[in-house]
Every structure is written in structure tokens, then in C-alpha cells.
Amino acid sequence: MQIRAGYELIYTFPQPTPIILVVNIHYSRASDIVVPDHLVCEPFFPVTAYRDAFGNWCQRGLAPAGRVRMTANSVVGVDEQQAQFGSAAGEASVEDLPDEALMFLLGSRYCETDLLSNTAWQLFGGTAPGFQRVQAICDYVHNHISFDYQQARSTRTAAQAFNERVGVCRDFAHLAIAFCRCMNIPARYCTGYLSDIGLPQPYSPGDFAAWFEAWIGGRWQMFDPRNNVPRKGRVLMARGRDAADVAIATTFGPNTLELFRVWADEIPSYQTLATGR
């Protein structure tokens, strides 16, 4: 199965403005990319690329004053079957964790472990360690927070989401990550495309999705407390401690975002055959 995934961002800048974009498909999915997601800027301005501290592919440039359109359109192969959550894997003691996982035990901008530690142990201290504990956290977060796109707020933290009981996918991920870290389970934030393949219509407007990965069973395993069921067409773009590390766009000056559009649509099989892809 293949999906066409991409985005379109239109900004208006009153003056030349530096911008950083984290919108490329993650290098771990390189073998699945059929058509690369090359950034197109209109009007053209030079863009250079670099890898951040988490290995994510980032692009930077000086956007000119005026109306600027940035877009990319890719084709990516995905599994025919819905991705299954992990298995009955155990969790490692802190002293046995790999060095690179330790930073994902710590509190971060949106995941306040200090504020949520007592609550986490009260809620999940009696659950079986490992996969069952992480899934219990996802079940709790899924039922505790009501999804409401109209109440999205870029400054909402995990503790605020817990108290307000409302949010969007990033809030579900932040709260679950914070609870995992409180329970000494490394957890990292993920962002990317998530298609609506297999879901009943009407589909909601396209957007980038957020989920997380927890270190259990000696590896990183994916969890999605927002949906909490297997889904098709998930394509990773970036990982970090929380949303602050993987912002889609970071601008260093005043601007107006005029259009934000994301798509992740299944390509019919006859088209795949016709193109030989």
C-alpha cells in the first residue's frame, strides 16, 4: 500500500524572517519513500539542511518579506495491515537502561514529571511493569482527555491537560509521556503523518499527528493514547523530548499563518500498478 503525504504552509512576513522547518519524513523510513518529500518554496529562497541533536532532518532559510508558500508532496509505502501495538514486554531497571534513553526519563518543557509523579504512582503503581503498565497509562489518558480541536493551545502542558481534561493529540502524548517517565519508563515524543485509511467518513481536516515511543522489552515501542487502537498509514517525521523539540515551523519574527494543510491519502492500487511503483 502507498500513500501520498504532504503539506502546504502559507505565511505572510512583514520583513525577511529566519525560519526552521522540521517536516521531512524520518530517515528510518528512507527505504519506504517512493517519491521524496522535497521542499518547494514560492517565491524561491535558499534553504539548507542539518540534523538536530535527535537525528531529525531540519531545514532552515531566510524567508523573504511578503506572502510565502512552502509545500512538499511525497509517496510513501506503508504496511497493508494495521500496525499492531507491542507485546507483553518487560521494563528495564534504570541502572540497566542504555545511555541514550536516560534523557527521556527527565522532565521537559511540556512534561512536568515533578508535578505528576505522585499522581502517576497512585494510578499505576499497582499495574504490572512493562507493556501492561504503558498500555494502562494509554488507556487512562485516552479516557481522561476529551479530544477537542477547537480547544487546542500551543502552551498546554501535561499537567494542564490532566487538570483540564481536554486537548488534542499532542496533549494526549504529553500526558502519557510524563506518566511513563514518572514510572521510570523512558518515553519520547513522535510526530508525523497519520492517514484515515480504514476509518468511516467524513474525515476530519488533515493535520500532523502526535504519538510516543516507550523503551520496553529492550527497544522503543510505539503507543498512541489519542486513538488507542491500531491504525494504518503512520509515517514518522521526527522524535524529541516533547513538542518543543519537533515544532513543524519555528519563525524568528512576526508573521501570519494564512494556510495550514496536511494530507495523507491512500493511492488506489490501479494507480500504483499504472506507474509501476
Protein backbone atom coordinates (compact mmCIF):
# COMPACT_ATOMS: atom_id res chain seq x y z
CA MET A 1 0.00 0.00 0.00
CA GLN A 2 1.16 3.51 -0.77
CA ILE A 3 0.01 6.88 0.48
CA ARG A 4 0.52 10.37 -0.88
CA ALA A 5 1.65 12.52 2.02
CA GLY A 6 2.41 16.20 2.06
CA TYR A 7 1.72 19.65 3.38
CA GLU A 8 1.17 23.24 2.32
CA LEU A 9 2.08 26.22 4.52
CA ILE A 10 1.42 29.82 3.51
CA TYR A 11 2.83 32.64 5.62
CA THR A 12 2.89 36.40 5.27
CA PHE A 13 6.07 38.01 6.59
CA PRO A 14 6.33 41.79 7.08
CA GLN A 15 10.12 41.54 6.81
CA PRO A 16 12.74 38.91 5.92
CA THR A 17 12.39 36.28 8.64
CA PRO A 18 14.55 33.27 9.59
CA ILE A 19 12.58 30.01 9.71
CA ILE A 20 13.35 26.42 10.72
CA LEU A 21 11.20 23.58 9.39
CA VAL A 22 11.03 20.01 10.74
CA VAL A 23 8.72 18.48 8.15
CA ASN A 24 10.73 15.76 6.41
CA ILE A 25 9.98 12.06 6.63
CA HIS A 26 12.29 10.45 9.19
CA TYR A 27 15.45 8.74 7.90
CA SER A 28 14.28 5.45 9.44
CA ARG A 29 11.58 5.35 6.74
CA ALA A 30 14.00 6.04 3.88
CA SER A 31 13.54 2.60 2.30
CA ASP A 32 9.76 3.20 2.12
CA ILE A 33 9.97 6.51 0.24
CA VAL A 34 8.91 6.19 -3.40
CA VAL A 35 8.75 9.92 -4.19
CA PRO A 36 10.89 12.13 -1.88
CA ASP A 37 9.31 15.00 0.03
CA HIS A 38 11.38 17.82 -1.47
CA LEU A 39 10.55 21.26 -0.11
CA VAL A 40 9.31 23.79 -2.68
CA CYS A 41 9.34 27.47 -1.73
CA GLU A 42 7.40 30.11 -3.68
CA PRO A 43 8.94 32.58 -4.18
CA PHE A 44 12.20 30.68 -4.09
CA PHE A 45 14.65 31.33 -1.26
CA PRO A 46 17.76 29.31 -0.36
CA VAL A 47 17.27 26.53 2.19
CA THR A 48 19.98 24.46 3.85
CA ALA A 49 19.57 21.28 5.88
CA TYR A 50 21.10 19.86 9.05
CA ARG A 51 20.44 17.15 11.65
CA ASP A 52 19.47 18.21 15.14
CA ALA A 53 20.54 16.59 18.41
CA PHE A 54 17.88 13.88 17.99
CA GLY A 55 18.84 12.98 14.42
CA ASN A 56 15.85 14.73 12.85
CA TRP A 57 16.32 16.30 9.41
CA CYS A 58 15.77 20.07 9.69
CA GLN A 59 15.72 22.84 7.08
CA ARG A 60 16.50 26.50 7.59
CA GLY A 61 16.32 29.62 5.49
CA LEU A 62 15.57 33.32 5.39
CA ALA A 63 12.01 33.72 4.17
CA PRO A 64 11.53 36.94 2.18
CA ALA A 65 9.05 39.63 3.09
CA GLY A 66 5.58 39.08 1.66
CA ARG A 67 3.48 36.00 1.00
CA VAL A 68 5.48 32.75 1.04
CA ARG A 69 4.22 29.27 0.16
CA MET A 70 6.10 26.16 1.32
CA THR A 71 4.96 22.73 0.24
CA ALA A 72 6.05 19.14 -0.35
CA ASN A 73 4.35 16.08 -1.80
CA SER A 74 5.67 12.56 -1.35
CA VAL A 75 4.69 8.95 -1.93
CA VAL A 76 5.45 6.50 0.87
CA GLY A 77 4.93 2.76 1.19
CA VAL A 78 3.09 1.61 4.33
CA ASP A 79 2.01 -1.75 5.72
CA GLU A 80 -1.20 -3.25 4.35
CA GLN A 81 -2.17 -4.34 7.86
CA GLN A 82 -2.85 -2.00 10.71
CA ALA A 83 0.27 -1.54 12.83
CA GLN A 84 -0.02 -3.59 15.98
CA PHE A 85 0.99 -2.33 19.39
CA GLY A 86 3.81 -4.06 21.26
CA SER A 87 3.86 -7.35 23.09
CA ALA A 88 3.97 -8.40 26.73
CA ALA A 89 7.46 -6.95 27.13
CA GLY A 90 9.08 -6.10 30.44
CA GLU A 91 10.71 -2.88 31.52
CA ALA A 92 14.34 -2.33 32.42
CA SER A 93 15.66 -1.03 35.71
CA VAL A 94 17.10 2.47 35.45
CA GLU A 95 20.63 1.19 36.02
CA ASP A 96 20.26 -1.16 33.04
CA LEU A 97 18.94 1.41 30.56
CA PRO A 98 21.14 2.41 27.61
CA ASP A 99 22.78 5.81 27.97
CA GLU A 100 20.79 7.34 25.12
CA ALA A 101 17.48 6.53 26.83
CA LEU A 102 18.25 8.35 30.08
CA MET A 103 17.32 11.83 28.81
CA PHE A 104 13.81 10.52 28.15
CA LEU A 105 13.32 9.88 31.87
CA LEU A 106 13.65 13.58 32.68
CA GLY A 107 11.05 16.30 32.86
CA SER A 108 10.85 18.63 29.84
CA ARG A 109 9.05 21.75 28.63
CA TYR A 110 5.63 20.09 28.27
CA CYS A 111 6.08 17.04 30.51
CA GLU A 112 6.34 18.06 34.16
CA THR A 113 7.36 14.88 35.96
CA ASP A 114 7.76 16.77 39.24
CA LEU A 115 4.10 17.80 39.23
CA LEU A 116 2.72 14.43 38.16
CA SER A 117 4.94 11.90 39.96
CA ASN A 118 2.70 11.29 42.98
CA THR A 119 -0.39 11.01 40.77
CA ALA A 120 1.36 8.58 38.44
CA TRP A 121 2.38 6.24 41.26
CA GLN A 122 -1.09 6.38 42.78
CA LEU A 123 -2.68 5.49 39.44
CA PHE A 124 -0.19 2.98 38.02
CA GLY A 125 1.96 1.74 40.88
CA GLY A 126 -0.14 -1.41 41.13
CA THR A 127 -0.04 -2.32 37.45
CA ALA A 128 2.27 -4.97 36.03
CA PRO A 129 5.55 -3.42 34.83
CA GLY A 130 6.41 -3.21 31.16
CA PHE A 131 3.95 -3.25 28.29
CA GLN A 132 0.93 -3.68 30.54
CA ARG A 133 1.85 -0.59 32.55
CA VAL A 134 2.38 1.56 29.46
CA GLN A 135 -0.89 0.34 27.97
CA ALA A 136 -2.65 1.10 31.26
CA ILE A 137 -1.29 4.64 31.02
CA CYS A 138 -2.55 4.94 27.44
CA ASP A 139 -5.98 3.60 28.42
CA TYR A 140 -6.22 6.09 31.26
CA VAL A 141 -5.12 9.08 29.15
CA HIS A 142 -7.40 8.06 26.29
CA ASN A 143 -10.40 8.05 28.64
CA HIS A 144 -9.34 11.01 30.78
CA ILE A 145 -8.89 13.61 28.00
CA SER A 146 -11.65 14.66 25.60
CA PHE A 147 -10.39 15.45 22.11
CA ASP A 148 -11.45 18.94 21.03
CA TYR A 149 -9.60 20.59 18.16
CA GLN A 150 -11.34 23.89 18.92
CA GLN A 151 -9.62 23.99 22.31
CA ALA A 152 -6.09 23.38 21.02
CA ARG A 153 -3.50 25.51 22.80
CA SER A 154 0.20 25.51 22.00
CA THR A 155 1.18 26.28 25.61
CA ARG A 156 -0.84 23.47 27.28
CA THR A 157 1.40 21.16 29.32
CA ALA A 158 0.86 17.60 30.50
CA ALA A 159 -0.18 18.75 33.98
CA GLN A 160 -2.61 21.26 32.50
CA ALA A 161 -4.07 18.61 30.19
CA PHE A 162 -4.53 16.35 33.21
CA ASN A 163 -6.39 19.08 35.10
CA GLU A 164 -8.38 20.48 32.17
CA ARG A 165 -9.25 17.05 30.73
CA VAL A 166 -9.33 18.36 27.17
CA GLY A 167 -6.83 18.63 24.35
CA VAL A 168 -5.55 17.40 21.01
CA CYS A 169 -3.21 14.56 20.09
CA ARG A 170 -0.09 16.32 21.38
CA ASP A 171 -1.74 16.72 24.80
CA PHE A 172 -2.59 13.00 24.93
CA ALA A 173 1.04 12.20 24.06
CA HIS A 174 2.49 14.66 26.57
CA LEU A 175 0.45 13.33 29.47
CA ALA A 176 1.24 9.70 28.66
CA ILE A 177 4.94 10.53 28.26
CA ALA A 178 5.00 12.33 31.59
CA PHE A 179 3.30 9.42 33.36
CA CYS A 180 5.74 6.92 31.81
CA ARG A 181 8.75 8.96 32.89
CA CYS A 182 7.31 9.25 36.40
CA MET A 183 7.19 5.43 36.45
CA ASN A 184 10.87 5.26 35.34
CA ILE A 185 9.98 4.23 31.79
CA PRO A 186 11.81 6.26 29.11
CA ALA A 187 9.34 7.85 26.70
CA ARG A 188 9.88 10.11 23.69
CA TYR A 189 7.54 12.27 21.62
CA CYS A 190 6.88 11.47 17.96
CA THR A 191 5.23 13.47 15.19
CA GLY A 192 4.32 12.59 11.63
CA TYR A 193 1.57 11.71 9.20
CA LEU A 194 -1.39 9.52 10.15
CA SER A 195 -3.89 8.63 7.45
CA ASP A 196 -7.62 7.98 7.86
CA ILE A 197 -7.39 4.70 5.91
CA GLY A 198 -9.97 2.23 7.20
CA LEU A 199 -11.97 4.80 9.14
CA PRO A 200 -15.57 5.80 8.36
CA GLN A 201 -16.16 9.11 6.67
CA PRO A 202 -16.47 12.05 6.99
CA TYR A 203 -12.78 12.53 7.73
CA SER A 204 -11.59 15.37 9.92
CA PRO A 205 -9.37 18.08 8.38
CA GLY A 206 -5.82 16.88 7.78
CA ASP A 207 -3.16 17.60 10.37
CA PHE A 208 0.11 16.21 11.59
CA ALA A 209 -0.32 13.65 14.37
CA ALA A 210 1.47 13.03 17.66
CA TRP A 211 2.17 9.75 19.45
CA PHE A 212 5.04 8.42 21.56
CA GLU A 213 7.51 5.59 21.98
CA ALA A 214 8.37 3.87 25.26
CA TRP A 215 11.51 1.84 26.00
CA ILE A 216 10.25 -1.62 26.96
CA GLY A 217 11.42 -5.09 26.05
CA GLY A 218 14.85 -3.73 25.16
CA ARG A 219 13.63 -1.47 22.36
CA TRP A 220 11.43 1.50 21.55
CA GLN A 221 7.77 0.55 21.05
CA MET A 222 5.07 2.81 19.65
CA PHE A 223 1.94 3.84 21.56
CA ASP A 224 -0.88 6.19 20.58
CA PRO A 225 -3.05 7.28 23.53
CA ARG A 226 -5.15 9.58 21.35
CA ASN A 227 -6.50 6.78 19.13
CA ASN A 228 -5.52 3.81 21.33
CA VAL A 229 -6.22 1.35 18.51
CA PRO A 230 -4.03 0.11 15.64
CA ARG A 231 -4.02 2.48 12.65
CA LYS A 232 -2.80 2.26 9.06
CA GLY A 233 -0.65 4.80 7.27
CA ARG A 234 1.54 6.10 10.12
CA VAL A 235 4.70 7.84 8.83
CA LEU A 236 7.24 9.20 11.32
CA MET A 237 8.79 12.62 10.74
CA ALA A 238 10.62 13.48 13.96
CA ARG A 239 11.30 12.48 17.58
CA GLY A 240 12.20 14.51 20.65
CA ARG A 241 11.59 15.04 24.35
CA ASP A 242 8.28 16.74 23.63
CA ALA A 243 6.63 19.02 21.06
CA ALA A 244 9.11 21.82 21.72
CA ASP A 245 11.88 19.73 20.12
CA VAL A 246 9.97 18.93 16.93
CA ALA A 247 7.95 22.06 16.13
CA ILE A 248 6.81 21.92 12.49
CA ALA A 249 7.93 25.50 11.92
CA THR A 250 9.86 27.90 14.14
CA THR A 251 9.90 31.51 12.96
CA PHE A 252 12.10 34.27 14.34
CA GLY A 253 9.96 37.31 13.72
CA PRO A 254 6.33 38.45 13.29
CA ASN A 255 4.23 36.63 10.72
CA THR A 256 0.72 35.50 9.86
CA LEU A 257 -0.03 31.87 9.05
CA GLU A 258 -2.62 32.08 6.27
CA LEU A 259 -2.94 28.40 5.35
CA PHE A 260 -2.00 25.11 7.00
CA ARG A 261 -2.92 21.99 5.05
CA VAL A 262 -1.78 18.37 5.51
CA TRP A 263 -2.75 15.24 3.57
CA ALA A 264 -2.02 11.52 3.86
CA ASP A 265 -4.23 9.75 1.32
CA GLU A 266 -4.19 6.18 0.05
CA ILE A 267 -3.18 5.81 -3.59
CA PRO A 268 -5.60 3.46 -5.38
CA SER A 269 -3.98 0.17 -6.37
CA TYR A 270 -4.67 0.72 -10.09
CA GLN A 271 -2.63 3.93 -9.96
CA THR A 272 0.21 2.14 -8.21
CA LEU A 273 0.22 -0.53 -10.91
CA ALA A 274 -0.04 2.02 -13.70
CA THR A 275 3.06 3.88 -12.54
CA GLY A 276 4.97 0.71 -11.75
CA ARG A 277 5.53 1.84 -8.19
